[in-house]
Protein backbone atom coordinates (compact mmCIF):
# COMPACT_ATOMS: atom_id res chain seq x y z
CA MET A 1 14.18 -1.22 -7.78
CA GLN A 2 12.08 -1.72 -4.69
CA PHE A 3 10.41 0.93 -2.57
CA LEU A 4 8.68 0.91 0.79
CA VAL A 5 5.82 3.42 0.64
CA ILE A 6 4.16 4.54 3.86
CA GLY A 7 1.05 6.68 3.50
CA LEU A 8 -0.54 8.07 6.65
CA ASP A 9 -4.13 9.24 6.60
CA GLY A 10 -5.35 12.58 7.83
CA THR A 11 -6.56 12.74 11.42
CA ASP A 12 -9.60 14.97 10.89
CA GLU A 13 -13.14 13.69 11.39
CA LYS A 14 -13.66 13.18 7.62
CA ALA A 15 -10.51 11.05 7.17
CA MET A 16 -12.25 7.66 7.28
CA GLU A 17 -15.01 8.92 5.01
CA ARG A 18 -12.42 9.94 2.38
CA ARG A 19 -10.65 6.56 2.70
CA LEU A 20 -13.84 4.56 2.26
CA ALA A 21 -14.98 6.71 -0.67
CA VAL A 22 -11.98 5.66 -2.80
CA ARG A 23 -11.06 2.33 -1.20
CA ASP A 24 -12.56 0.20 -3.99
CA ALA A 25 -10.56 2.15 -6.59
CA HIS A 26 -7.41 1.80 -4.45
CA ILE A 27 -7.91 -1.98 -4.19
CA ALA A 28 -8.64 -2.28 -7.93
CA LEU A 29 -5.44 -0.45 -8.77
CA GLY A 30 -3.62 -2.67 -6.26
CA GLU A 31 -4.87 -5.76 -8.08
CA GLU A 32 -3.59 -4.30 -11.35
CA LEU A 33 -0.20 -3.57 -9.76
CA LEU A 34 0.00 -7.07 -8.26
CA ALA A 35 -0.69 -8.61 -11.67
CA SER A 36 2.02 -6.48 -13.31
CA GLY A 37 4.55 -7.26 -10.56
CA ASN A 38 4.77 -3.63 -9.44
CA MET A 39 3.22 -4.27 -6.03
CA TRP A 40 4.66 -7.04 -3.93
CA TYR A 41 2.79 -6.54 -0.70
CA GLY A 42 0.44 -4.06 0.92
CA ALA A 43 -1.13 -3.70 4.34
CA ALA A 44 -3.36 -1.24 6.14
CA ILE A 45 -1.81 0.45 9.16
CA LEU A 46 -4.16 0.23 12.14
CA ASP A 47 -4.54 2.24 15.32
CA ASP A 48 -4.97 0.63 18.75
CA ASN A 49 -8.70 0.22 18.08
CA GLY A 50 -8.19 -1.56 14.76
CA ASN A 51 -9.16 1.43 12.62
CA MET A 52 -7.30 1.98 9.35
CA ILE A 53 -5.04 5.03 9.62
CA GLY A 54 -2.60 4.48 6.78
CA SER A 55 -1.01 2.07 4.36
CA SER A 56 2.33 0.39 3.82
CA LEU A 57 3.29 -1.04 0.45
CA PHE A 58 6.33 -2.77 -0.97
CA MET A 59 6.52 -1.66 -4.59
CA ASN A 60 8.77 -2.68 -7.47
CA PHE A 61 9.38 -0.26 -10.35
CA SER A 62 12.23 0.08 -12.81
CA THR A 63 12.63 3.77 -12.02
CA GLU A 64 11.58 6.40 -9.52
CA LYS A 65 9.73 8.08 -12.42
CA GLU A 66 7.48 4.99 -12.71
CA LEU A 67 6.91 5.04 -8.94
CA ASN A 68 5.87 8.68 -9.15
CA GLU A 69 3.57 7.96 -12.11
CA TRP A 70 1.78 5.40 -9.92
CA LEU A 71 1.53 7.87 -7.04
CA ASP A 72 0.07 10.45 -9.44
CA ARG A 73 -2.86 8.10 -10.11
CA GLU A 74 -3.12 6.40 -6.69
CA PRO A 75 -6.70 6.94 -5.40
CA TYR A 76 -5.50 7.52 -1.83
CA VAL A 77 -3.32 10.38 -3.11
CA ILE A 78 -5.90 11.82 -5.52
CA GLY A 79 -8.68 11.36 -2.94
CA ASN A 80 -6.70 13.26 -0.29
CA VAL A 81 -6.66 10.23 2.02
CA TRP A 82 -2.92 10.10 2.62
CA LYS A 83 -1.79 13.35 4.21
CA SER A 84 1.80 12.14 4.49
CA VAL A 85 3.64 9.88 2.06
CA LYS A 86 7.17 8.64 2.74
CA VAL A 87 9.08 6.62 0.18
CA HIS A 88 12.16 4.62 1.11
CA LYS A 89 14.30 2.78 -1.40
CA CYS A 90 14.82 -0.76 -0.23
CA SER A 91 16.35 -3.99 -1.44
CA THR A 92 14.70 -7.36 -1.18
CA ARG A 93 16.46 -10.37 -2.62
CA ASP A 94 13.19 -12.27 -3.01
CA PRO A 95 9.71 -11.13 -2.09
CA TRP A 96 9.31 -13.25 1.04
CA GLN A 97 5.53 -13.53 0.82
CA PHE A 98 5.86 -15.67 -2.29
CA ASN A 99 8.30 -18.08 -0.66
CA ARG A 100 5.71 -19.78 1.56
CA PRO A 101 2.29 -21.25 0.87
CA LYS A 102 -0.80 -19.28 1.90
CA GLU A 103 -1.54 -21.90 4.57
CA PHE A 104 1.62 -20.90 6.43
CA PHE A 105 0.28 -17.38 6.93
CA ASP A 106 -3.23 -18.63 7.74
CA ASN A 107 -1.78 -20.70 10.59
CA ILE A 108 0.40 -18.00 12.14
CA SER A 109 -2.27 -15.29 12.11
CA LYS A 110 -4.57 -17.21 14.48
């Protein structure tokens, strides 16, 4: 079962400090989830100035219980980075990012 998870950071003056304090742990857990097949894709949400203000992730878990177990240990949740978390069930036939070589994305992002 796939899920789109959108976590929006707080807007207070300490928000970026909290994000950066746990970012390495968030990325390490993301690597673990990629390796297990539970995370298909993740991206930082940026404001107009290019500052990180949230995250969007396409996740794949067998059950909502497993999704919630991940959220219970997600550093951006534990570290009080995400002030709002929305989860949407979604359905993806194939994870599109795996259907093209990395070079394709390198060329379109320039």
